[in-house]
Amino acid sequence: MNRLIVSSMMAVSAVQAVQKNKHVLVDFTDRERFTDKDLGQWWESSDTVRQQGMSKAILSLQKTKVYQRGILFVLLNPQPNGAAFAGVKRSTEGIDLTDHK
């Protein structure tokens, strides 16, 4: 059985993004604008049904006195043909996307 574990820290600095002329949709590092309540608006979107290919994704906040960042943990359990997916998503309802093209 092949399994792939993927862990990604999602820490985007809004200052760096502005300096590079990039748009930030979600700043996981901003303690005032991204809270545990905001984290609750994200849900898993993974293959959790089939025994072969059953995968798992978790989005969590890592908080210290100095910083905060989002961590995406993914466990992929590929099907015999190698197909697997796991991730998290959230609705864009209530998000002002007028500045993002």
N, C-alpha and C. Protein backbone atom coordinates (compact mmCIF):
# COMPACT_ATOMS: atom_id res chain seq x y z
N MET A 1 0.84 -1.17 0.00
CA MET A 1 0.00 0.00 0.00
C MET A 1 0.90 1.25 0.00
N ASN A 2 0.71 2.10 -0.99
CA ASN A 2 1.48 3.33 -1.07
C ASN A 2 0.66 4.47 -0.49
N ARG A 3 1.30 5.23 0.37
CA ARG A 3 0.65 6.42 0.93
C ARG A 3 1.62 7.57 0.83
N LEU A 4 1.08 8.72 0.57
CA LEU A 4 1.88 9.93 0.46
C LEU A 4 1.35 10.93 1.47
N ILE A 5 2.24 11.43 2.30
CA ILE A 5 1.86 12.44 3.28
C ILE A 5 2.40 13.79 2.81
N VAL A 6 1.52 14.76 2.72
CA VAL A 6 1.91 16.09 2.28
C VAL A 6 1.54 17.07 3.38
N SER A 7 2.48 17.88 3.77
CA SER A 7 2.21 18.90 4.76
C SER A 7 2.67 20.23 4.19
N SER A 8 1.83 21.21 4.24
CA SER A 8 2.16 22.50 3.64
C SER A 8 1.81 23.60 4.63
N MET A 9 2.75 24.49 4.87
CA MET A 9 2.46 25.64 5.73
C MET A 9 1.99 26.78 4.84
N MET A 10 0.81 27.28 5.14
CA MET A 10 0.25 28.35 4.34
C MET A 10 0.41 29.66 5.10
N ALA A 11 1.56 30.24 5.01
CA ALA A 11 1.83 31.49 5.70
C ALA A 11 2.22 32.52 4.65
N VAL A 12 1.30 33.38 4.33
CA VAL A 12 1.54 34.40 3.32
C VAL A 12 1.57 35.75 4.00
N SER A 13 2.62 36.46 3.81
CA SER A 13 2.72 37.80 4.38
C SER A 13 2.06 38.79 3.44
N ALA A 14 1.09 39.52 3.96
CA ALA A 14 0.40 40.51 3.14
C ALA A 14 1.36 41.58 2.66
N VAL A 15 2.33 41.94 3.47
CA VAL A 15 3.31 42.95 3.08
C VAL A 15 4.12 42.46 1.89
N GLN A 16 4.61 41.23 1.94
CA GLN A 16 5.38 40.69 0.83
C GLN A 16 4.52 40.60 -0.43
N ALA A 17 3.26 40.23 -0.28
CA ALA A 17 2.38 40.09 -1.43
C ALA A 17 2.16 41.44 -2.10
N VAL A 18 1.97 42.50 -1.31
CA VAL A 18 1.77 43.82 -1.87
C VAL A 18 3.04 44.28 -2.58
N GLN A 19 4.19 44.01 -1.98
CA GLN A 19 5.45 44.41 -2.59
C GLN A 19 5.67 43.71 -3.93
N LYS A 20 5.18 42.51 -4.07
CA LYS A 20 5.34 41.75 -5.31
C LYS A 20 4.15 41.94 -6.22
N ASN A 21 3.26 42.86 -5.89
CA ASN A 21 2.08 43.17 -6.69
C ASN A 21 1.19 41.95 -6.87
N LYS A 22 0.99 41.19 -5.80
CA LYS A 22 0.12 40.02 -5.83
C LYS A 22 -1.08 40.27 -4.93
N HIS A 23 -2.17 39.62 -5.25
CA HIS A 23 -3.37 39.73 -4.43
C HIS A 23 -3.41 38.58 -3.43
N VAL A 24 -3.76 38.88 -2.21
CA VAL A 24 -3.88 37.87 -1.17
C VAL A 24 -5.37 37.63 -0.92
N LEU A 25 -5.84 36.42 -1.18
CA LEU A 25 -7.23 36.09 -0.92
C LEU A 25 -7.45 35.78 0.55
N VAL A 26 -6.54 35.01 1.15
CA VAL A 26 -6.65 34.64 2.56
C VAL A 26 -5.28 34.80 3.19
N ASP A 27 -5.20 35.62 4.21
CA ASP A 27 -3.94 35.80 4.94
C ASP A 27 -4.05 35.06 6.26
N PHE A 28 -3.52 33.85 6.29
CA PHE A 28 -3.60 33.02 7.48
C PHE A 28 -2.76 33.58 8.63
N THR A 29 -1.87 34.52 8.34
CA THR A 29 -0.98 35.06 9.36
C THR A 29 -1.60 36.22 10.13
N ASP A 30 -2.69 36.77 9.66
CA ASP A 30 -3.33 37.93 10.29
C ASP A 30 -4.27 37.46 11.39
N ARG A 31 -3.85 37.61 12.66
CA ARG A 31 -4.63 37.11 13.80
C ARG A 31 -6.00 37.78 13.93
N GLU A 32 -6.12 39.02 13.50
CA GLU A 32 -7.38 39.74 13.64
C GLU A 32 -8.33 39.42 12.49
N ARG A 33 -7.81 39.16 11.31
CA ARG A 33 -8.65 38.93 10.14
C ARG A 33 -8.87 37.44 9.84
N PHE A 34 -8.05 36.54 10.44
CA PHE A 34 -8.26 35.11 10.26
C PHE A 34 -8.22 34.45 11.64
N THR A 35 -9.41 34.05 12.09
CA THR A 35 -9.56 33.51 13.44
C THR A 35 -10.02 32.05 13.36
N ASP A 36 -10.21 31.44 14.53
CA ASP A 36 -10.73 30.07 14.57
C ASP A 36 -12.11 30.00 13.93
N LYS A 37 -12.88 31.07 14.05
CA LYS A 37 -14.20 31.11 13.41
C LYS A 37 -14.05 31.03 11.89
N ASP A 38 -13.08 31.75 11.35
CA ASP A 38 -12.82 31.69 9.90
C ASP A 38 -12.36 30.30 9.49
N LEU A 39 -11.55 29.68 10.32
CA LEU A 39 -11.08 28.32 10.04
C LEU A 39 -12.26 27.35 9.93
N GLY A 40 -13.30 27.58 10.73
CA GLY A 40 -14.48 26.73 10.71
C GLY A 40 -15.27 26.81 9.42
N GLN A 41 -14.99 27.80 8.58
CA GLN A 41 -15.68 27.94 7.30
C GLN A 41 -15.06 27.07 6.20
N TRP A 42 -13.95 26.43 6.50
CA TRP A 42 -13.28 25.54 5.55
C TRP A 42 -13.69 24.11 5.83
N TRP A 43 -13.85 23.30 4.78
CA TRP A 43 -14.20 21.91 4.97
C TRP A 43 -13.38 21.03 4.03
N GLU A 44 -13.29 19.79 4.43
CA GLU A 44 -12.50 18.82 3.67
C GLU A 44 -13.20 18.47 2.36
N SER A 45 -12.41 18.35 1.31
CA SER A 45 -12.89 17.89 0.01
C SER A 45 -11.92 16.81 -0.46
N SER A 46 -12.19 15.58 -0.03
CA SER A 46 -11.28 14.47 -0.30
C SER A 46 -12.08 13.24 -0.70
N ASP A 47 -11.38 12.28 -1.27
CA ASP A 47 -11.97 10.98 -1.57
C ASP A 47 -12.00 10.18 -0.27
N THR A 48 -13.14 10.16 0.38
CA THR A 48 -13.26 9.48 1.68
C THR A 48 -14.17 8.26 1.60
N VAL A 49 -14.55 7.85 0.37
CA VAL A 49 -15.52 6.77 0.21
C VAL A 49 -14.87 5.44 -0.15
N ARG A 50 -14.10 5.42 -1.23
CA ARG A 50 -13.52 4.17 -1.71
C ARG A 50 -12.36 3.73 -0.82
N GLN A 51 -12.31 2.44 -0.52
CA GLN A 51 -11.23 1.93 0.35
C GLN A 51 -9.87 2.23 -0.27
N GLN A 52 -9.69 1.84 -1.53
CA GLN A 52 -8.46 2.24 -2.22
C GLN A 52 -8.70 3.64 -2.75
N GLY A 53 -7.84 4.53 -2.43
CA GLY A 53 -8.01 5.92 -2.82
C GLY A 53 -8.55 6.79 -1.70
N MET A 54 -8.90 6.19 -0.55
CA MET A 54 -9.41 6.97 0.57
C MET A 54 -8.30 7.87 1.12
N SER A 55 -8.53 9.16 1.12
CA SER A 55 -7.51 10.12 1.53
C SER A 55 -8.08 11.05 2.60
N LYS A 56 -7.24 11.89 3.17
CA LYS A 56 -7.65 12.76 4.27
C LYS A 56 -6.91 14.08 4.18
N ALA A 57 -7.61 15.18 4.45
CA ALA A 57 -6.99 16.51 4.50
C ALA A 57 -7.50 17.25 5.72
N ILE A 58 -6.61 17.99 6.36
CA ILE A 58 -6.96 18.78 7.55
C ILE A 58 -6.29 20.14 7.43
N LEU A 59 -7.05 21.19 7.67
CA LEU A 59 -6.51 22.55 7.74
C LEU A 59 -6.54 22.96 9.20
N SER A 60 -5.40 23.42 9.70
CA SER A 60 -5.29 23.79 11.11
C SER A 60 -4.50 25.09 11.23
N LEU A 61 -4.71 25.80 12.31
CA LEU A 61 -3.92 27.00 12.59
C LEU A 61 -2.82 26.66 13.58
N GLN A 62 -1.62 27.10 13.28
CA GLN A 62 -0.52 26.99 14.23
C GLN A 62 -0.33 28.39 14.80
N LYS A 63 -0.46 28.50 16.12
CA LYS A 63 -0.35 29.81 16.77
C LYS A 63 0.75 29.78 17.81
N THR A 64 1.56 30.81 17.81
CA THR A 64 2.54 31.03 18.87
C THR A 64 2.38 32.47 19.33
N LYS A 65 3.18 32.89 20.28
CA LYS A 65 3.14 34.28 20.72
C LYS A 65 3.63 35.23 19.64
N VAL A 66 4.45 34.70 18.73
CA VAL A 66 5.08 35.54 17.71
C VAL A 66 4.32 35.54 16.39
N TYR A 67 3.76 34.41 15.97
CA TYR A 67 3.14 34.33 14.66
C TYR A 67 1.96 33.35 14.65
N GLN A 68 1.26 33.37 13.54
CA GLN A 68 0.18 32.43 13.27
C GLN A 68 0.31 32.03 11.81
N ARG A 69 0.02 30.78 11.49
CA ARG A 69 0.02 30.34 10.10
C ARG A 69 -0.94 29.18 9.93
N GLY A 70 -1.40 28.99 8.71
CA GLY A 70 -2.26 27.87 8.38
C GLY A 70 -1.42 26.69 7.94
N ILE A 71 -1.81 25.50 8.38
CA ILE A 71 -1.10 24.30 7.99
C ILE A 71 -2.10 23.34 7.36
N LEU A 72 -1.80 22.90 6.15
CA LEU A 72 -2.61 21.91 5.46
C LEU A 72 -1.89 20.59 5.52
N PHE A 73 -2.53 19.59 6.16
CA PHE A 73 -1.97 18.25 6.26
C PHE A 73 -2.80 17.35 5.36
N VAL A 74 -2.12 16.60 4.47
CA VAL A 74 -2.81 15.73 3.53
C VAL A 74 -2.20 14.34 3.57
N LEU A 75 -3.06 13.33 3.68
CA LEU A 75 -2.64 11.94 3.57
C LEU A 75 -3.32 11.38 2.33
N LEU A 76 -2.51 11.01 1.32
CA LEU A 76 -3.05 10.46 0.07
C LEU A 76 -2.85 8.96 0.06
N ASN A 77 -3.91 8.24 -0.24
CA ASN A 77 -3.88 6.79 -0.37
C ASN A 77 -4.32 6.47 -1.80
N PRO A 78 -3.38 6.39 -2.74
CA PRO A 78 -3.73 6.28 -4.15
C PRO A 78 -4.44 4.97 -4.50
N GLN A 79 -5.28 5.05 -5.52
CA GLN A 79 -5.89 3.87 -6.11
C GLN A 79 -4.80 3.13 -6.90
N PRO A 80 -5.08 1.91 -7.35
CA PRO A 80 -4.08 1.17 -8.12
C PRO A 80 -3.55 1.93 -9.35
N ASN A 81 -4.39 2.77 -9.94
CA ASN A 81 -3.94 3.55 -11.11
C ASN A 81 -3.21 4.84 -10.71
N GLY A 82 -3.04 5.08 -9.41
CA GLY A 82 -2.30 6.24 -8.92
C GLY A 82 -3.16 7.45 -8.60
N ALA A 83 -4.46 7.38 -8.90
CA ALA A 83 -5.34 8.53 -8.67
C ALA A 83 -5.64 8.70 -7.18
N ALA A 84 -5.58 9.94 -6.72
CA ALA A 84 -5.92 10.27 -5.34
C ALA A 84 -6.10 11.78 -5.26
N PHE A 85 -6.96 12.21 -4.36
CA PHE A 85 -7.09 13.65 -4.12
C PHE A 85 -7.52 13.91 -2.70
N ALA A 86 -7.08 15.03 -2.19
CA ALA A 86 -7.48 15.49 -0.87
C ALA A 86 -7.20 16.98 -0.80
N GLY A 87 -8.07 17.70 -0.15
CA GLY A 87 -7.87 19.13 -0.03
C GLY A 87 -8.92 19.73 0.89
N VAL A 88 -8.90 21.05 0.98
CA VAL A 88 -9.90 21.78 1.74
C VAL A 88 -10.42 22.91 0.87
N LYS A 89 -11.63 23.35 1.15
CA LYS A 89 -12.20 24.46 0.39
C LYS A 89 -13.14 25.24 1.28
N ARG A 90 -13.54 26.40 0.78
CA ARG A 90 -14.52 27.23 1.48
C ARG A 90 -15.33 27.99 0.46
N SER A 91 -16.50 28.40 0.83
CA SER A 91 -17.36 29.18 -0.04
C SER A 91 -16.78 30.58 -0.19
N THR A 92 -16.98 31.18 -1.34
CA THR A 92 -16.54 32.57 -1.55
C THR A 92 -17.64 33.56 -1.17
N GLU A 93 -18.78 33.06 -0.70
CA GLU A 93 -19.86 33.93 -0.29
C GLU A 93 -19.39 34.84 0.84
N GLY A 94 -19.65 36.12 0.69
CA GLY A 94 -19.27 37.09 1.72
C GLY A 94 -17.85 37.62 1.57
N ILE A 95 -17.11 37.16 0.56
CA ILE A 95 -15.74 37.63 0.32
C ILE A 95 -15.79 38.64 -0.82
N ASP A 96 -15.23 39.81 -0.60
CA ASP A 96 -15.19 40.84 -1.65
C ASP A 96 -14.03 40.50 -2.60
N LEU A 97 -14.38 40.09 -3.81
CA LEU A 97 -13.37 39.70 -4.80
C LEU A 97 -13.20 40.76 -5.89
N THR A 98 -13.71 41.96 -5.67
CA THR A 98 -13.65 42.98 -6.73
C THR A 98 -12.23 43.37 -7.10
N ASP A 99 -11.29 43.28 -6.19
CA ASP A 99 -9.90 43.64 -6.49
C ASP A 99 -9.10 42.48 -7.06
N HIS A 100 -9.70 41.32 -7.18
CA HIS A 100 -9.00 40.13 -7.66
C HIS A 100 -9.52 39.76 -9.04
N LYS A 101 -8.63 39.83 -10.02
CA LYS A 101 -9.04 39.54 -11.40
C LYS A 101 -8.30 38.35 -11.92
